[in-house]
Protein backbone atom coordinates (compact mmCIF):
# COMPACT_ATOMS: atom_id res chain seq x y z
CA MET A 1 -3.03 -23.38 5.07
CA GLU A 2 -5.92 -22.41 7.28
CA LYS A 3 -7.23 -19.17 5.81
CA HIS A 4 -8.50 -17.70 9.08
CA THR A 5 -5.19 -17.70 10.92
CA VAL A 6 -1.87 -15.92 10.71
CA SER A 7 0.88 -17.89 9.20
CA ALA A 8 3.94 -18.93 11.29
CA ALA A 9 6.15 -17.06 8.78
CA SER A 10 4.26 -13.85 9.39
CA LEU A 11 4.32 -14.21 13.25
CA ALA A 12 8.02 -14.77 12.99
CA GLN A 13 8.61 -11.31 11.64
CA GLY A 14 8.95 -8.87 14.67
CA ASP A 15 7.95 -5.22 14.23
CA ASN A 16 8.98 -2.01 15.84
CA PRO A 17 5.75 -0.53 17.40
CA VAL A 18 7.71 2.63 18.80
CA PRO A 19 7.39 5.77 16.63
CA ASN A 20 10.58 7.52 15.89
CA SER A 21 9.98 11.39 15.72
CA LYS A 22 13.18 12.07 13.86
CA ILE A 23 12.06 10.00 10.83
CA LYS A 24 10.53 12.02 8.05
CA LYS A 25 8.67 11.29 4.78
CA ALA A 26 10.76 10.64 1.77
CA ASP A 27 8.32 12.32 -0.74
CA LEU A 28 9.37 13.94 -3.93
CA LEU A 29 7.41 16.83 -5.28
CA PRO A 30 4.44 16.26 -7.78
CA ASN A 31 5.34 16.49 -11.39
CA SER A 32 3.13 17.37 -14.32
CA GLU A 33 4.87 14.53 -16.28
CA SER A 34 3.63 12.13 -13.68
CA ARG A 35 0.20 11.18 -15.10
CA LEU A 36 -2.39 8.35 -15.30
CA ASP A 37 -1.95 8.24 -19.08
CA SER A 38 1.86 8.03 -18.92
CA MET A 39 4.52 5.51 -17.89
CA GLU A 40 6.93 8.23 -16.86
CA MET A 41 7.85 9.85 -13.55
CA LYS A 42 6.33 6.98 -11.49
CA GLU A 43 8.51 7.79 -8.63
CA LYS A 44 6.72 11.10 -8.26
CA PRO A 45 3.19 12.02 -6.97
CA ILE A 46 0.69 12.59 -9.84
CA GLY A 47 0.19 16.38 -10.35
CA ASP A 48 -3.43 16.19 -11.54
CA PRO A 49 -5.93 18.47 -9.82
CA THR A 50 -8.99 16.41 -10.97
CA ILE A 51 -7.97 13.37 -8.83
CA PRO A 52 -9.95 13.54 -5.68
CA PHE A 53 -8.33 13.28 -2.27
CA ARG A 54 -10.04 11.46 0.63
CA ASP A 55 -12.49 13.79 2.37
CA LEU A 56 -11.77 13.40 6.05
CA THR A 57 -14.97 15.09 7.20
CA ASP A 58 -16.52 11.81 8.53
CA THR A 59 -16.79 8.17 8.01
CA ALA A 60 -19.34 8.39 5.23
CA SER A 61 -17.28 11.16 3.37
CA LYS A 62 -14.16 9.07 3.59
CA LYS A 63 -15.78 6.02 2.16
CA GLU A 64 -17.53 7.89 -0.60
CA SER A 65 -14.32 9.66 -1.63
CA ILE A 66 -12.43 6.62 -1.66
CA GLY A 67 -14.88 5.22 -4.06
CA ARG A 68 -14.56 8.08 -6.28
CA LEU A 69 -10.67 7.95 -6.07
CA ILE A 70 -10.66 4.23 -7.18
CA ASN A 71 -12.94 5.05 -10.06
CA LYS A 72 -10.60 7.93 -11.14
CA LEU A 73 -7.37 6.08 -10.80
CA ASP A 74 -9.04 3.30 -12.69
CA VAL A 75 -6.16 0.76 -12.16
CA ALA A 76 -7.65 -1.68 -14.63
CA ALA A 77 -7.41 0.71 -17.52
CA ASN A 78 -5.02 3.59 -17.11
CA VAL A 79 -1.50 3.42 -18.75
CA ARG A 80 0.35 4.31 -15.49
CA TYR A 81 -0.38 0.89 -13.98
CA GLN A 82 -0.16 -1.56 -16.90
CA LYS A 83 2.36 -4.28 -16.69
CA THR A 84 5.40 -4.17 -18.91
CA VAL A 85 7.74 -6.88 -20.08
CA GLU A 86 10.11 -5.86 -17.26
CA ASP A 87 7.88 -5.11 -14.50
CA THR A 88 4.38 -4.75 -12.73
CA TYR A 89 3.34 -1.78 -10.58
CA CYS A 90 1.55 -2.76 -7.47
CA ASN A 91 3.77 -0.55 -5.38
CA VAL A 92 3.06 2.55 -7.63
CA TYR A 93 -0.66 1.99 -7.48
CA SER A 94 -0.51 1.46 -3.65
CA TYR A 95 1.51 4.55 -3.29
CA ASP A 96 -0.88 6.65 -5.44
CA TYR A 97 -3.84 5.26 -3.46
CA CYS A 98 -2.27 6.14 -0.21
CA TYR A 99 -1.19 9.58 -1.37
CA PHE A 100 -4.59 10.66 -2.38
CA CYS A 101 -6.11 9.13 0.79
CA LYS A 102 -3.64 11.43 2.71
CA VAL A 103 -1.67 8.62 4.23
CA TYR A 104 1.99 8.11 3.93
CA LEU A 105 3.33 5.04 2.03
CA PRO A 106 6.80 5.31 0.36
CA THR A 107 7.50 4.88 -3.28
CA VAL A 108 11.02 6.15 -2.69
CA TRP A 109 12.89 5.79 0.59
CA TRP A 110 15.96 7.16 2.13
CA THR A 111 19.30 5.59 1.25
CA ASP A 112 21.21 4.08 4.22
CA GLU A 113 23.58 7.03 4.31
CA ALA A 114 20.83 9.57 4.25
CA LEU A 115 18.76 7.70 6.92
CA GLU A 116 21.74 7.66 9.20
CA LYS A 117 22.13 11.40 9.05
CA ILE A 118 18.45 11.89 9.67
CA VAL A 119 18.49 9.73 12.69
CA GLN A 120 21.40 11.80 13.98
CA GLY A 121 19.14 14.92 13.65
CA GLN A 122 20.69 16.30 10.40
CA GLU A 123 18.46 17.93 7.71
CA VAL A 124 18.31 15.87 4.49
CA GLU A 125 16.64 16.79 1.28
CA ALA A 126 14.87 14.09 -0.82
CA VAL A 127 16.80 14.01 -4.21
CA PHE A 128 16.02 11.05 -6.38
CA GLU A 129 18.93 8.64 -6.90
CA GLN A 130 21.03 10.59 -4.47
CA THR A 131 19.39 10.59 -1.05
CA VAL A 132 16.28 8.49 -1.93
CA ASP A 133 15.82 5.46 -4.25
CA ARG A 134 12.73 3.51 -5.36
CA ILE A 135 11.38 1.11 -2.83
CA TYR A 136 9.55 -2.10 -3.99
CA SER A 137 7.04 -4.36 -2.34
CA SER A 138 9.31 -6.80 -0.54
CA ALA A 139 11.28 -3.91 0.89
CA ILE A 140 7.97 -2.20 1.81
CA HIS A 141 7.01 -5.20 3.85
CA ASP A 142 10.20 -4.71 5.96
CA TRP A 143 9.55 -0.96 6.01
CA PHE A 144 6.15 -1.47 7.63
CA LEU A 145 7.78 -3.60 10.29
CA GLU A 146 10.62 -1.00 10.97
CA TRP A 147 9.04 2.41 10.21
CA GLY A 148 5.32 2.00 9.90
CA ALA A 149 4.43 2.99 13.32
CA SER A 150 6.44 6.36 12.86
CA PHE A 151 3.87 7.26 10.29
CA GLY A 152 0.64 6.07 12.01
CA TRP A 153 0.37 2.50 10.69
CA GLU A 154 -1.01 0.04 13.13
CA ARG A 155 -0.37 -3.66 12.51
CA MET A 156 -3.39 -6.06 12.03
CA HIS A 157 -3.40 -9.78 12.22
CA THR A 158 -6.38 -11.19 10.34
CA VAL A 159 -8.16 -10.05 7.15
CA ASP A 160 -11.52 -9.90 8.91
CA GLU A 161 -9.94 -7.42 11.31
CA ILE A 162 -8.56 -5.29 8.79
CA GLN A 163 -11.79 -5.25 6.44
CA ASN A 164 -13.88 -4.34 9.49
CA LYS A 165 -11.71 -1.39 10.47
CA VAL A 166 -11.69 -0.29 6.89
CA ASN A 167 -15.41 -0.48 6.53
CA ALA A 168 -16.22 1.00 10.05
CA ASN A 169 -13.75 3.95 9.77
CA GLY A 170 -13.13 4.70 6.11
CA GLY A 171 -9.46 4.05 6.75
CA ILE A 172 -6.73 2.45 4.70
CA GLY A 173 -5.73 -1.16 4.79
CA ILE A 174 -2.78 -2.72 3.24
CA ILE A 175 -1.67 -6.23 2.49
CA CYS A 176 2.13 -6.60 1.77
CA ALA A 177 3.95 -9.79 1.05
CA LYS A 178 7.73 -10.46 0.81
CA ARG A 179 9.05 -12.96 -1.84
CA LYS A 180 11.28 -15.79 -0.76
CA ILE A 181 13.78 -15.19 -3.55
CA LYS A 182 15.64 -11.77 -3.00
CA GLY A 183 15.35 -9.52 -5.99
CA LEU A 184 11.99 -10.91 -7.14
CA SER A 185 8.87 -8.87 -6.83
CA GLY A 186 6.68 -9.25 -3.70
CA HIS A 187 3.10 -7.81 -3.85
CA ILE A 188 1.33 -4.98 -2.18
CA VAL A 189 -2.47 -4.32 -2.29
CA PRO A 190 -4.99 -1.83 -0.68
CA VAL A 191 -7.85 -3.28 1.25
CA VAL A 192 -10.83 -0.96 0.45
CA PRO A 193 -14.34 -0.16 1.92
CA GLU A 194 -17.00 -2.53 0.82
CA THR A 195 -19.70 -0.87 -1.36
CA ASP A 196 -23.29 -1.91 -2.57
CA LEU A 197 -21.83 -3.42 -5.61
CA HIS A 198 -18.47 -4.78 -4.23
CA LYS A 199 -18.15 -7.09 -1.29
CA ALA A 200 -15.46 -9.10 0.52
CA TYR A 201 -15.93 -12.86 0.67
CA ARG A 202 -17.06 -14.25 3.91
CA GLU A 203 -17.60 -17.77 5.35
CA ASN A 204 -19.85 -18.03 8.49
CA GLY A 205 -19.83 -14.19 8.72
CA VAL A 206 -15.98 -13.95 8.75
CA VAL A 207 -14.04 -12.34 6.12
CA VAL A 208 -11.80 -14.92 4.29
CA TYR A 209 -10.86 -12.63 1.08
CA PRO A 210 -11.07 -9.04 1.81
CA LEU A 211 -12.21 -6.43 -0.91
CA GLN A 212 -8.99 -5.26 -2.60
CA SER A 213 -7.79 -3.05 -5.38
CA GLN A 214 -4.65 -3.75 -7.25
CA ALA A 215 -2.03 -3.33 -10.03
CA GLY A 216 -0.17 -6.53 -10.91
CA LYS A 217 -0.04 -9.12 -13.58
CA LEU A 218 -3.72 -8.57 -13.71
CA ASN A 219 -5.27 -5.32 -12.56
CA TYR A 220 -8.56 -4.97 -10.80
CA ASN A 221 -10.47 -1.91 -9.52
CA TYR A 222 -12.10 -4.25 -7.09
CA PHE A 223 -11.62 -7.89 -6.29
CA SER A 224 -12.11 -10.42 -3.41
CA GLU A 225 -12.63 -14.03 -4.14
CA VAL A 226 -10.87 -14.15 -7.72
CA ARG A 227 -7.36 -14.26 -6.09
CA LYS A 228 -8.27 -16.21 -2.97
CA ASP A 229 -5.64 -15.80 -0.06
CA TRP A 230 -2.84 -14.77 -2.52
CA TRP A 231 -0.65 -13.61 0.38
CA ASN A 232 -0.35 -17.34 1.53
CA ASP A 233 1.18 -18.27 -1.76
CA ASP A 234 4.37 -20.27 -1.48
CA LEU A 235 6.10 -17.51 -3.49
CA TYR A 236 6.12 -15.41 -0.34
CA SER A 237 8.14 -15.79 2.80
CA SER A 238 6.09 -13.55 4.88
CA TYR A 239 3.22 -11.05 4.80
CA VAL A 240 1.85 -8.13 7.04
CA PHE A 241 -1.46 -6.51 7.35
CA TYR A 242 -1.48 -2.82 8.29
CA TYR A 243 -4.14 -0.27 8.86
CA HIS A 244 -4.13 3.57 9.09
CA GLU A 245 -6.87 6.12 10.00
């Protein structure tokens, strides 16, 4: 497949660009048991005051603080993100990355019943395994299309576009792919600002493999060329690119 183009499968997925003001975040409260050195409480934000949030002062401060955040989360080494026999944790890392970058990405989402009440204007509290449940990468792909605009996400169409936006503004990029086989893991990865040491891979000045950071079968604080255009793998039925300031 041509690396510089958007796949037919991706183009076939319609999105809803109109924000819905009634929809609210499904965040749970931070918990002291949710830690980088633990496998527990992955559905909750990390309650660690030493982890830096993105500094929104200006573009330079955003990019510098994102670099410090990636170093602190240290996805390649910290226990929270290591694969197990049962699972990998791309969604947990992407959630944590977005949470500390002050951007909303769900790690739990409303049940259908709770969502119906919210759309009707009712107040609903986020209670784990009652009104909210874990959401995984294939479902997050669909969440972006349905609800992303309601939380400030803008759909992008090439990796060159998304890398350039992340570099220029210190914003947050995401690539999310949906598995063909229902019930199997998709994949979700942040696209991160380039640094002096870490670069996207370009051909003729155009980004072919953006600079990314991931948890998965293999964890990388930074990578670009090593996984090629993974989102075009035959495992996936569709992928989306999104950006948030």
